Amino acid sequence: MVPEHGVEPEHTKALIQLQNLEDIRALPALYCHLICNKDVDGVMALFGADGTMTISGDMREGLEGTVYAGESLRKMMSEGLDDIRPWPFIQNHTITLTSDVTATGLLHATFRLGSRGYKVTHLGLYEDEYVKVNGKWTFKNRKLTSTPVAE
């Protein structure tokens, strides 16, 4: 028997999962675009109310091992974007849906810094936790580990 709308229930679930994956995949790409455009408000909107970012590496002095949330995240973004002018390039995004409203992801990154002539200066790994709130996927936590590239 075909359901009323012509889609089997298992297909409906698969379509919802595919839409969730696509929405999550778009989140880090939009983050990179906003970072390049120094749009701090836009970046902040991608984090949930309790969203955090953890920095590990030496991309900018004083960031090592710090967890940022709320206004401290906004301040770090504002100062960092003006100071080092990062251009992140992401690839190899893997996503694991852990429930209908939570997921994790890994992304590899290459960073070019405007403060250093837009040369490739760091390689990085984002370890993300995502949460869906009111139908919108956001970052619950972003952990960035970066390693400098030898000059």
Protein backbone atom coordinates (compact mmCIF):
# COMPACT_ATOMS: atom_id res chain seq x y z
CA MET A 1 0.00 0.00 0.00
CA VAL A 2 1.31 3.44 -0.96
CA PRO A 3 1.03 6.12 1.75
CA GLU A 4 -1.19 9.15 1.22
CA HIS A 5 1.62 11.39 -0.10
CA GLY A 6 3.19 8.67 -2.24
CA VAL A 7 6.38 8.28 -0.16
CA GLU A 8 7.11 5.21 1.93
CA PRO A 9 7.88 5.99 5.61
CA GLU A 10 11.45 4.63 5.35
CA HIS A 11 12.03 6.91 2.35
CA THR A 12 10.72 9.89 4.31
CA LYS A 13 13.24 9.17 7.05
CA ALA A 14 16.05 8.83 4.50
CA LEU A 15 15.08 12.16 2.90
CA ILE A 16 15.11 13.87 6.30
CA GLN A 17 18.56 12.42 7.03
CA LEU A 18 19.86 13.59 3.64
CA GLN A 19 18.46 17.07 4.27
CA ASN A 20 20.12 17.12 7.71
CA LEU A 21 23.46 16.11 6.19
CA GLU A 22 23.19 18.80 3.52
CA ASP A 23 22.24 21.48 6.06
CA ILE A 24 25.18 20.50 8.27
CA ARG A 25 27.57 20.40 5.29
CA ALA A 26 26.57 23.97 4.44
CA LEU A 27 27.28 25.25 7.97
CA PRO A 28 31.13 25.13 7.90
CA ALA A 29 31.18 26.44 4.32
CA LEU A 30 29.11 29.45 5.36
CA TYR A 31 31.38 29.87 8.41
CA CYS A 32 34.43 30.14 6.11
CA HIS A 33 32.67 32.63 3.86
CA LEU A 34 31.71 34.79 6.85
CA ILE A 35 35.24 34.58 8.30
CA CYS A 36 36.74 35.81 5.02
CA ASN A 37 34.26 38.69 4.99
CA LYS A 38 34.92 39.57 8.66
CA ASP A 39 31.20 39.17 9.42
CA VAL A 40 31.33 38.57 13.17
CA ASP A 41 27.55 38.82 13.61
CA GLY A 42 27.07 36.23 10.89
CA VAL A 43 29.61 33.89 12.49
CA MET A 44 27.99 34.30 15.89
CA ALA A 45 24.59 33.39 14.41
CA LEU A 46 26.02 30.00 13.41
CA PHE A 47 26.68 29.10 17.06
CA GLY A 48 23.89 27.97 19.35
CA ALA A 49 23.08 29.93 22.50
CA ASP A 50 25.59 27.81 24.46
CA GLY A 51 27.98 27.37 21.52
CA THR A 52 31.70 27.24 22.22
CA MET A 53 34.94 27.27 20.27
CA THR A 54 38.18 25.73 21.49
CA ILE A 55 41.47 26.77 19.91
CA SER A 56 44.60 24.63 19.97
CA GLY A 57 47.63 25.68 18.00
CA ASP A 58 49.56 28.87 17.41
CA MET A 59 47.68 30.61 14.62
CA ARG A 60 47.43 33.73 16.77
CA GLU A 61 49.32 34.48 19.96
CA GLY A 62 47.33 33.97 23.15
CA LEU A 63 44.67 31.62 21.77
CA GLU A 64 46.24 28.29 22.72
CA GLY A 65 43.90 25.98 24.64
CA THR A 66 41.24 28.61 25.30
CA VAL A 67 37.52 27.88 25.23
CA TYR A 68 35.40 30.76 23.99
CA ALA A 69 31.66 31.26 24.37
CA GLY A 70 29.23 34.16 24.08
CA GLU A 71 30.88 37.57 24.33
CA SER A 72 34.39 36.11 24.69
CA LEU A 73 33.83 34.28 21.39
CA ARG A 74 32.60 37.49 19.77
CA LYS A 75 35.64 39.42 21.08
CA MET A 76 38.10 36.74 19.93
CA MET A 77 36.52 36.70 16.47
CA SER A 78 36.47 40.51 16.16
CA GLU A 79 40.10 40.92 17.18
CA GLY A 80 41.37 37.88 15.28
CA LEU A 81 39.68 38.67 12.01
CA ASP A 82 41.15 42.16 11.96
CA ASP A 83 44.55 41.00 13.20
CA ILE A 84 45.41 37.94 11.08
CA ARG A 85 42.75 38.12 8.33
CA PRO A 86 42.30 34.35 7.92
CA TRP A 87 41.12 32.67 4.74
CA PRO A 88 40.20 29.09 5.69
CA PHE A 89 39.72 26.40 3.06
CA ILE A 90 37.95 23.26 4.23
CA GLN A 91 37.80 19.77 2.79
CA ASN A 92 37.13 16.12 3.63
CA HIS A 93 34.03 16.85 5.71
CA THR A 94 32.75 13.73 7.42
CA ILE A 95 29.47 13.89 9.33
CA THR A 96 27.94 11.43 11.77
CA LEU A 97 24.30 11.94 12.67
CA THR A 98 24.05 10.91 16.33
CA SER A 99 20.31 11.64 16.66
CA ASP A 100 17.62 13.63 14.86
CA VAL A 101 19.00 16.82 16.46
CA THR A 102 22.70 16.15 17.11
CA ALA A 103 25.69 15.29 14.96
CA THR A 104 29.48 15.38 14.90
CA GLY A 105 31.85 16.27 12.11
CA LEU A 106 35.50 16.42 11.13
CA LEU A 107 36.98 18.79 8.57
CA HIS A 108 40.52 19.29 7.40
CA ALA A 109 41.54 22.87 6.73
CA THR A 110 44.24 24.88 5.04
CA PHE A 111 44.68 28.46 6.24
CA ARG A 112 46.01 31.45 4.40
CA LEU A 113 46.57 34.51 6.56
CA GLY A 114 46.29 38.01 5.14
CA SER A 115 48.73 39.15 7.78
CA ARG A 116 51.34 36.94 6.07
CA GLY A 117 50.67 37.75 2.42
CA TYR A 118 47.93 35.11 2.07
CA LYS A 119 50.50 32.33 2.01
CA VAL A 120 49.48 28.93 3.35
CA THR A 121 50.58 29.17 6.96
CA HIS A 122 48.71 26.43 8.82
CA LEU A 123 46.99 23.10 8.40
CA GLY A 124 44.10 22.40 10.69
CA LEU A 125 41.46 20.02 11.89
CA TYR A 126 38.00 21.12 12.99
CA GLU A 127 36.22 18.72 15.32
CA ASP A 128 32.62 19.87 15.38
CA GLU A 129 29.55 19.11 17.42
CA TYR A 130 26.28 20.24 15.85
CA VAL A 131 22.85 20.69 17.37
CA LYS A 132 19.53 21.39 15.67
CA VAL A 133 17.48 24.03 17.47
CA ASN A 134 14.10 25.20 16.17
CA GLY A 135 14.77 23.45 12.86
CA LYS A 136 18.18 25.08 12.33
CA TRP A 137 21.58 23.36 12.62
CA THR A 138 24.18 25.28 14.63
CA PHE A 139 27.60 24.70 16.11
CA LYS A 140 27.43 23.39 19.65
CA ASN A 141 31.24 23.24 19.80
CA ARG A 142 34.05 23.79 17.32
CA LYS A 143 37.50 22.59 18.26
CA LEU A 144 40.24 23.83 15.98
CA THR A 145 43.69 22.28 16.14
CA SER A 146 46.20 23.95 13.85
CA THR A 147 49.79 23.22 12.93
CA PRO A 148 52.10 25.74 11.26
CA VAL A 149 53.50 24.96 7.84
CA ALA A 150 57.28 25.25 7.64
CA GLU A 151 58.41 28.25 5.64
